[in-house]
Protein backbone atom coordinates (compact mmCIF):
# COMPACT_ATOMS: atom_id res chain seq x y z
CA MET A 1 -33.18 0.65 -12.97
CA LYS A 2 -30.35 -1.45 -14.33
CA LYS A 3 -27.20 -1.33 -12.25
CA ARG A 4 -24.23 0.19 -14.02
CA ILE A 5 -21.34 -2.07 -14.98
CA TYR A 6 -17.93 -0.45 -14.50
CA ASN A 7 -15.18 -1.12 -17.02
CA ILE A 8 -11.80 -1.64 -15.36
CA SER A 9 -8.49 -1.91 -17.19
CA ILE A 10 -5.15 -2.96 -15.76
CA ALA A 11 -1.79 -1.37 -16.58
CA GLY A 12 1.09 -3.73 -15.88
CA CYS A 13 0.97 -7.53 -15.91
CA GLY A 14 3.20 -8.59 -13.03
CA LYS A 15 2.26 -10.88 -10.16
CA VAL A 16 0.00 -8.44 -8.32
CA ALA A 17 -2.00 -7.74 -11.50
CA HIS A 18 -3.32 -11.30 -11.37
CA LEU A 19 -4.75 -10.66 -7.90
CA HIS A 20 -6.54 -7.57 -9.18
CA ALA A 21 -7.93 -9.45 -12.18
CA LYS A 22 -9.32 -12.15 -9.90
CA ALA A 23 -10.74 -9.53 -7.52
CA ILE A 24 -12.49 -7.76 -10.41
CA SER A 25 -14.06 -11.05 -11.49
CA ASN A 26 -15.76 -11.25 -8.06
CA ILE A 27 -17.36 -7.81 -8.35
CA LYS A 28 -20.87 -8.05 -9.78
CA ASN A 29 -20.94 -4.54 -11.24
CA ALA A 30 -17.46 -4.58 -12.79
CA ARG A 31 -15.61 -6.32 -15.59
CA LEU A 32 -12.01 -6.49 -16.77
CA SER A 33 -12.17 -4.63 -20.06
CA GLY A 34 -8.53 -4.33 -21.13
CA VAL A 35 -4.89 -4.65 -20.23
CA TRP A 36 -1.70 -2.78 -21.12
CA SER A 37 1.92 -3.60 -20.38
CA ARG A 38 5.29 -2.03 -21.07
CA THR A 39 6.00 -5.42 -22.69
CA PRO A 40 3.32 -6.10 -25.35
CA GLU A 41 3.80 -9.86 -25.23
CA SER A 42 3.05 -9.85 -21.51
CA ALA A 43 -0.18 -7.99 -22.17
CA LYS A 44 -1.21 -10.53 -24.79
CA ARG A 45 -0.58 -13.48 -22.48
CA PHE A 46 -2.44 -11.77 -19.65
CA ALA A 47 -5.38 -10.89 -21.91
CA SER A 48 -5.63 -14.47 -23.14
CA LEU A 49 -5.65 -15.78 -19.58
CA TYR A 50 -8.44 -13.44 -18.43
CA ASN A 51 -10.48 -13.24 -21.64
CA THR A 52 -9.92 -9.55 -22.25
CA LYS A 53 -8.11 -7.42 -24.84
CA ALA A 54 -4.47 -6.33 -24.89
CA TYR A 55 -3.54 -2.79 -25.88
CA ASP A 56 -0.30 -1.14 -26.93
CA GLU A 57 -1.26 2.28 -25.54
CA ILE A 58 -3.18 3.53 -22.52
CA GLY A 59 -5.18 6.27 -24.24
CA PRO A 60 -6.76 4.08 -26.91
CA MET A 61 -7.50 1.40 -24.28
CA VAL A 62 -9.44 3.89 -22.17
CA ALA A 63 -11.28 5.34 -25.18
CA GLU A 64 -12.14 2.10 -26.96
CA ASN A 65 -13.60 0.19 -24.02
CA GLU A 66 -14.86 3.25 -22.12
CA THR A 67 -12.66 2.48 -19.14
CA ASP A 68 -13.96 3.91 -15.86
CA LEU A 69 -10.93 2.88 -13.83
CA VAL A 70 -7.33 1.98 -14.60
CA ILE A 71 -5.48 0.00 -11.92
CA VAL A 72 -1.73 0.62 -12.22
CA CYS A 73 0.35 -2.48 -11.38
CA THR A 74 3.71 -1.66 -12.95
CA PRO A 75 6.91 -1.65 -10.84
CA HIS A 76 7.02 1.36 -8.48
CA PRO A 77 9.29 3.69 -10.49
CA PHE A 78 7.04 3.21 -13.53
CA HIS A 79 3.68 4.24 -12.05
CA ARG A 80 3.79 7.80 -13.34
CA GLN A 81 3.42 7.24 -17.09
CA PRO A 82 0.39 4.91 -17.14
CA ALA A 83 -1.32 6.82 -14.32
CA ALA A 84 -0.90 10.19 -16.05
CA GLU A 85 -1.94 8.81 -19.44
CA ALA A 86 -5.01 7.13 -17.96
CA ALA A 87 -6.06 10.36 -16.25
CA ALA A 88 -5.49 12.39 -19.42
CA ALA A 89 -7.77 9.97 -21.28
CA GLY A 90 -10.51 10.50 -18.66
CA ALA A 91 -10.21 7.37 -16.52
CA ASN A 92 -10.08 7.28 -12.75
CA VAL A 93 -6.85 5.82 -11.38
CA LEU A 94 -6.05 3.34 -8.61
CA VAL A 95 -2.30 2.81 -8.12
CA GLU A 96 -0.65 -0.16 -6.45
CA LYS A 97 1.36 0.79 -3.36
CA PRO A 98 3.39 2.88 -3.07
CA LEU A 99 1.96 5.72 -5.15
CA ALA A 100 5.46 6.17 -6.60
CA SER A 101 9.08 5.74 -5.61
CA ASP A 102 9.70 9.46 -5.20
CA LEU A 103 7.86 12.69 -4.57
CA HIS A 104 8.41 14.03 -8.10
CA ASP A 105 6.29 11.22 -9.52
CA CYS A 106 3.73 11.43 -6.71
CA ASP A 107 3.09 15.09 -7.44
CA ALA A 108 2.95 14.46 -11.19
CA ILE A 109 0.32 11.74 -10.74
CA ILE A 110 -1.75 13.80 -8.29
CA ASN A 111 -1.63 16.87 -10.57
CA ALA A 112 -2.55 14.82 -13.64
CA CYS A 113 -5.65 13.48 -11.90
CA LYS A 114 -6.64 16.92 -10.60
CA THR A 115 -6.20 18.46 -14.05
CA SER A 116 -8.45 15.84 -15.62
CA ASN A 117 -10.90 15.91 -12.69
CA VAL A 118 -10.68 12.18 -12.09
CA LYS A 119 -10.33 10.30 -8.82
CA LEU A 120 -7.06 8.88 -7.56
CA GLY A 121 -6.52 6.17 -4.98
CA VAL A 122 -3.64 4.05 -3.71
CA VAL A 123 -3.87 0.36 -2.86
CA SER A 124 -3.66 -0.24 0.88
CA GLN A 125 -6.07 -3.12 1.30
CA ARG A 126 -5.04 -3.87 4.89
CA ARG A 127 -7.22 -0.93 5.96
CA TRP A 128 -10.18 -3.26 5.35
CA TYR A 129 -8.97 -5.91 7.79
CA SER A 130 -11.53 -6.16 10.62
CA PRO A 131 -8.88 -5.80 13.38
CA VAL A 132 -7.50 -2.70 11.63
CA MET A 133 -10.97 -1.16 11.42
CA ARG A 134 -11.42 -2.02 15.12
CA VAL A 135 -8.28 -0.05 16.03
CA ARG A 136 -9.41 2.95 13.99
CA LYS A 137 -12.87 2.91 15.57
CA ALA A 138 -11.41 2.70 19.08
CA ILE A 139 -9.32 5.81 18.34
CA ASP A 140 -12.28 7.65 16.77
CA ASP A 141 -14.49 6.76 19.74
CA GLY A 142 -11.92 8.15 22.19
CA LYS A 143 -11.38 4.84 23.96
CA ILE A 144 -7.64 5.45 24.40
CA GLY A 145 -7.86 9.22 24.68
CA LYS A 146 -5.44 11.13 22.49
CA PRO A 147 -3.04 8.76 20.67
CA VAL A 148 0.42 9.61 22.04
CA LEU A 149 2.71 6.79 20.87
CA ALA A 150 2.77 4.55 17.80
CA THR A 151 5.07 1.63 17.06
CA ILE A 152 5.64 -0.37 13.89
CA ASN A 153 7.54 -3.63 14.05
CA MET A 154 7.75 -5.53 10.78
CA LEU A 155 10.35 -8.27 10.74
CA GLY A 156 10.43 -10.52 7.70
CA TRP A 157 12.71 -12.32 5.31
CA ARG A 158 13.43 -12.11 1.60
CA ASP A 159 15.89 -14.57 0.08
CA ARG A 160 17.80 -14.52 -3.18
CA THR A 161 15.05 -16.45 -4.97
CA TYR A 162 12.67 -13.61 -4.21
CA TYR A 163 15.01 -10.93 -5.57
CA ASP A 164 15.77 -13.02 -8.66
CA SER A 165 12.07 -13.58 -9.38
CA ASP A 166 11.74 -10.24 -11.21
CA GLU A 167 14.45 -8.16 -12.86
CA TRP A 168 13.30 -4.97 -11.13
CA ARG A 169 13.68 -6.21 -7.55
CA GLY A 170 16.55 -5.06 -5.35
CA THR A 171 17.77 -2.12 -7.48
CA TRP A 172 17.48 1.62 -6.94
CA LYS A 173 16.57 2.30 -10.55
CA MET A 174 13.94 -0.41 -11.00
CA GLU A 175 12.48 -0.86 -7.50
CA GLY A 176 13.27 2.55 -6.06
CA GLY A 177 14.23 1.20 -2.64
CA GLY A 178 14.00 -1.86 -0.45
CA VAL A 179 11.95 -2.71 2.62
CA LEU A 180 10.77 0.90 2.99
CA VAL A 181 9.42 1.14 -0.55
CA ASN A 182 8.13 -2.38 -1.10
CA GLN A 183 7.20 -4.14 2.13
CA SER A 184 6.56 -1.30 4.62
CA PRO A 185 4.01 0.98 2.90
CA HIS A 186 1.04 -0.94 4.31
CA GLN A 187 2.18 -0.50 7.91
CA LEU A 188 3.34 3.08 7.30
CA ASP A 189 -0.06 3.92 5.84
CA LEU A 190 -1.87 2.43 8.83
CA MET A 191 0.26 4.36 11.31
CA LEU A 192 -0.41 7.62 9.45
CA TRP A 193 -4.14 6.80 9.24
CA PHE A 194 -4.23 6.27 12.99
CA MET A 195 -1.90 9.10 14.08
CA GLY A 196 -2.21 11.94 11.57
CA ASP A 197 0.39 14.17 9.97
CA VAL A 198 4.13 14.03 10.67
CA ASP A 199 6.23 16.96 11.88
CA GLU A 200 9.76 15.48 11.91
CA VAL A 201 11.62 12.22 11.26
CA TYR A 202 15.06 10.95 12.17
CA GLY A 203 15.88 7.68 10.45
CA ILE A 204 18.57 5.33 9.27
CA TRP A 205 18.70 2.47 6.78
CA LYS A 206 21.23 -0.30 6.10
CA ASN A 207 21.72 -3.46 4.12
CA LEU A 208 22.51 -6.00 6.84
CA ASN A 209 22.67 -9.37 5.09
CA HIS A 210 21.70 -9.10 1.41
CA PRO A 211 24.99 -8.27 -0.38
CA TYR A 212 23.52 -9.20 -3.77
CA ILE A 213 21.04 -6.26 -3.79
CA GLU A 214 21.63 -2.49 -3.91
CA VAL A 215 18.80 -1.37 -1.65
CA GLU A 216 18.18 -1.44 2.11
CA ASP A 217 16.90 -4.53 3.86
CA THR A 218 16.44 -2.76 7.22
CA ALA A 219 15.33 0.69 8.40
CA LEU A 220 14.61 2.42 11.71
CA ALA A 221 13.02 5.78 12.42
CA ILE A 222 11.83 8.03 15.22
CA VAL A 223 8.77 10.09 14.29
CA ARG A 224 7.32 13.21 15.87
CA PHE A 225 3.75 13.91 14.80
CA LYS A 226 2.18 17.34 14.47
CA SER A 227 -0.12 16.40 17.37
CA GLY A 228 2.94 16.09 19.62
CA ALA A 229 2.71 12.28 19.65
CA LEU A 230 5.77 10.10 19.03
CA GLY A 231 6.37 7.07 16.84
CA ASN A 232 8.97 4.37 16.37
CA ILE A 233 9.50 2.32 13.22
CA VAL A 234 11.54 -0.89 12.91
CA VAL A 235 11.22 -2.71 9.58
CA SER A 236 13.45 -5.41 8.13
CA ASN A 237 13.71 -8.07 5.44
CA SER A 238 16.76 -9.55 7.16
CA GLN A 239 15.05 -11.74 9.79
CA LYS A 240 14.74 -15.35 8.68
CA PRO A 241 12.30 -16.98 8.07
CA GLY A 242 9.85 -14.13 8.59
CA ILE A 243 8.14 -13.22 11.82
CA TYR A 244 5.39 -10.59 11.85
CA GLY A 245 4.11 -7.12 11.08
CA LYS A 246 2.56 -5.17 13.96
CA VAL A 247 1.13 -1.66 14.41
CA HIS A 248 0.43 -0.63 18.01
CA ILE A 249 -1.16 2.61 19.21
CA HIS A 250 -0.90 3.80 22.82
CA GLY A 251 -3.18 6.46 24.30
CA GLU A 252 -2.83 9.23 26.84
CA ASN A 253 -5.19 7.40 29.24
CA GLY A 254 -2.79 4.45 29.40
CA ALA A 255 -4.86 2.14 27.16
CA SER A 256 -3.35 0.53 24.08
CA VAL A 257 -4.74 -1.08 20.93
CA GLY A 258 -2.86 -2.95 18.23
CA VAL A 259 -3.05 -5.18 15.21
CA GLN A 260 -0.80 -7.87 13.82
CA THR A 261 -1.39 -7.40 10.12
CA ASP A 262 0.98 -10.17 9.02
CA GLY A 263 2.12 -13.27 10.84
CA GLY A 264 4.13 -16.42 10.30
CA ALA A 265 5.87 -15.10 7.20
CA MET A 266 5.44 -12.00 5.09
CA PHE A 267 3.11 -12.25 2.08
CA ILE A 268 4.70 -12.15 -1.38
CA ALA A 269 2.24 -11.44 -4.21
CA GLY A 270 2.06 -14.31 -6.64
CA MET A 271 4.57 -16.37 -4.67
CA THR A 272 3.06 -17.11 -1.25
CA GLY A 273 -0.25 -16.97 0.54
CA VAL A 274 -1.10 -15.10 3.71
CA ALA A 275 0.30 -17.32 6.46
CA GLU A 276 -1.79 -16.25 9.44
CA PRO A 277 -4.99 -14.21 9.89
CA PRO A 278 -4.70 -10.56 10.88
CA VAL A 279 -5.73 -10.18 14.53
CA ASN A 280 -5.82 -7.67 17.34
CA ASP A 281 -2.81 -8.76 19.39
CA LEU A 282 -2.99 -5.91 21.92
CA TRP A 283 -6.08 -4.45 23.56
CA THR A 284 -6.09 -2.87 27.03
CA VAL A 285 -9.16 -0.64 26.74
CA PRO A 286 -10.80 -0.71 30.19
CA GLY A 287 -13.66 -3.20 30.20
CA GLU A 288 -12.77 -4.69 26.81
CA GLU A 289 -9.67 -6.71 27.61
CA SER A 290 -11.62 -9.98 27.65
CA LEU A 291 -12.96 -9.48 24.11
CA LEU A 292 -9.69 -10.42 22.38
CA PRO A 293 -10.33 -14.20 22.22
CA GLN A 294 -13.78 -13.61 20.69
CA TRP A 295 -12.40 -11.19 18.09
CA ILE A 296 -9.54 -13.50 17.20
CA LYS A 297 -12.04 -16.35 16.67
CA GLU A 298 -14.28 -14.16 14.47
CA ASP A 299 -11.40 -12.76 12.44
CA THR A 300 -9.89 -16.21 11.93
CA GLU A 301 -13.23 -17.51 10.64
CA THR A 302 -13.44 -14.59 8.21
CA PHE A 303 -9.86 -15.22 7.10
CA ASN A 304 -10.64 -18.87 6.39
CA ARG A 305 -13.84 -18.04 4.52
CA TYR A 306 -12.14 -16.13 1.72
CA ASP A 307 -8.89 -15.99 -0.18
CA PRO A 308 -7.44 -12.98 1.67
CA THR A 309 -5.02 -12.17 -1.14
CA ILE A 310 -8.03 -11.42 -3.35
CA TYR A 311 -10.88 -10.55 -0.98
CA TYR A 312 -9.38 -7.37 0.49
CA MET A 313 -8.31 -6.17 -2.96
CA GLN A 314 -11.95 -6.60 -3.90
CA CYS A 315 -13.04 -4.56 -0.87
CA GLN A 316 -10.80 -1.67 -1.89
CA ILE A 317 -11.86 -1.74 -5.55
CA GLU A 318 -15.51 -1.76 -4.49
CA ASP A 319 -14.85 1.21 -2.19
CA PHE A 320 -13.24 3.07 -5.08
CA LEU A 321 -16.14 2.34 -7.45
CA LYS A 322 -18.58 3.56 -4.79
CA ALA A 323 -16.57 6.80 -4.55
CA VAL A 324 -16.86 7.20 -8.32
CA GLU A 325 -20.59 6.51 -8.22
CA THR A 326 -21.30 8.92 -5.34
CA ASP A 327 -18.64 11.49 -6.26
CA THR A 328 -16.95 11.16 -2.87
CA GLU A 329 -13.37 10.40 -1.87
CA PRO A 330 -12.12 6.80 -1.64
CA LEU A 331 -10.90 5.61 1.73
CA VAL A 332 -7.26 5.74 0.54
CA THR A 333 -6.71 8.89 -1.51
CA GLY A 334 -3.76 9.93 -3.65
CA GLU A 335 -2.79 12.45 -0.98
CA ALA A 336 -2.71 9.67 1.63
CA GLY A 337 -0.47 7.68 -0.70
CA ARG A 338 1.88 10.65 -1.04
CA LYS A 339 2.20 10.90 2.75
CA THR A 340 3.52 7.33 2.88
CA VAL A 341 6.11 8.16 0.20
CA GLU A 342 6.98 11.37 2.08
CA LEU A 343 7.60 9.32 5.23
CA PHE A 344 9.99 6.81 3.70
CA THR A 345 11.69 9.55 1.68
CA ALA A 346 12.39 11.32 4.96
CA VAL A 347 14.21 8.22 6.24
CA TYR A 348 16.42 8.18 3.13
CA ARG A 349 17.21 11.89 3.43
CA SER A 350 17.84 11.64 7.16
CA THR A 351 20.33 8.82 6.61
CA ARG A 352 22.08 10.78 3.87
CA ASP A 353 22.39 13.96 5.95
CA ASN A 354 22.51 12.39 9.43
CA LEU A 355 19.95 14.96 10.53
CA PRO A 356 16.25 15.05 11.44
CA VAL A 357 14.01 15.93 8.49
CA LYS A 358 11.22 18.49 8.92
CA PHE A 359 7.88 18.13 7.14
CA PRO A 360 6.38 18.85 4.68
CA LEU A 361 8.89 17.53 2.13
CA LYS A 362 9.31 18.92 -1.35
CA PRO A 363 10.80 16.93 -4.22
CA GLU A 364 14.57 17.19 -4.58
CA PRO A 365 16.73 16.82 -7.70
CA GLY A 366 18.13 13.34 -8.11
CA PHE A 367 16.84 10.37 -6.22
CA ASP A 368 16.00 11.90 -2.84
CA GLY A 369 18.94 10.56 -0.86
CA ARG A 370 18.82 6.98 -2.09
CA GLY A 371 21.66 4.90 -3.41
């Protein structure tokens, strides 16, 4: 029986779209079948580069090339339109992180996909890192007992060149936020994947040393989970030249597990590579403490074997296609993507009101406490 070839189209032609196009080219049962952009000339240039066809509208693109999956790569506040139009045309939808900039758009995208009975996923490719999977398995296997404390520390740097590289960066209207919306969703998603649903958040954001942008470069939060566990979040783009991103989970039996997802300097799609391999930087599970050097060696070898900016995108796309084929849920669902947006929205609202924010959150009129 001949293996099915999946047609994948891309909506949005910015820097991250190139990574998706290259990832698709590595998947044996998939092909890049079309591209759409809010700027038609961008779509034409992208199509020429990757030997595909440019379209002016999402619906005709899906219909003409029988698109199975549309990957949405537009700037964050502009995810809703292409995602909803792709779903209405019958295509499954994978949205670059975050799912949207606000909860209004998250709910609109989720409802559009449910109405059309298509699958929805959100890009969070760091879940496929071996040290991340190792943390999740340790939690699932009960090696740390009940997770009782989570910490995120993500200290990086973004300079003026970065913010000037695209017109949408650094503004409330075009980017929808700063470090919370753009750089932190990966770590926020991992914490939620490890710890479960949130009950309450108290947070604060500030712009510490980027006077030429509107949005926050730093945010802190205290999290109480529905399980009774606690969490602490410290994320910043104000630490030069860029240090690390870490997610650590501590258990009720006193054992801890953790992963450094980013090291050396923070990755910028289309502008930098991944500086250091992701590794388990904390592991105190009784009897397993001595395994860290072996794991670091293995994970470094894997990191050096592939282009990590493309390989883990490929892993997530392949997971999504398998979900389509088997009619199961992808590892990162639309609902999981909404929870990340709900978490950073709570930090914005908490700063605005100087109060803890109880979950679940419903969309609010306006821009949910930002700006």
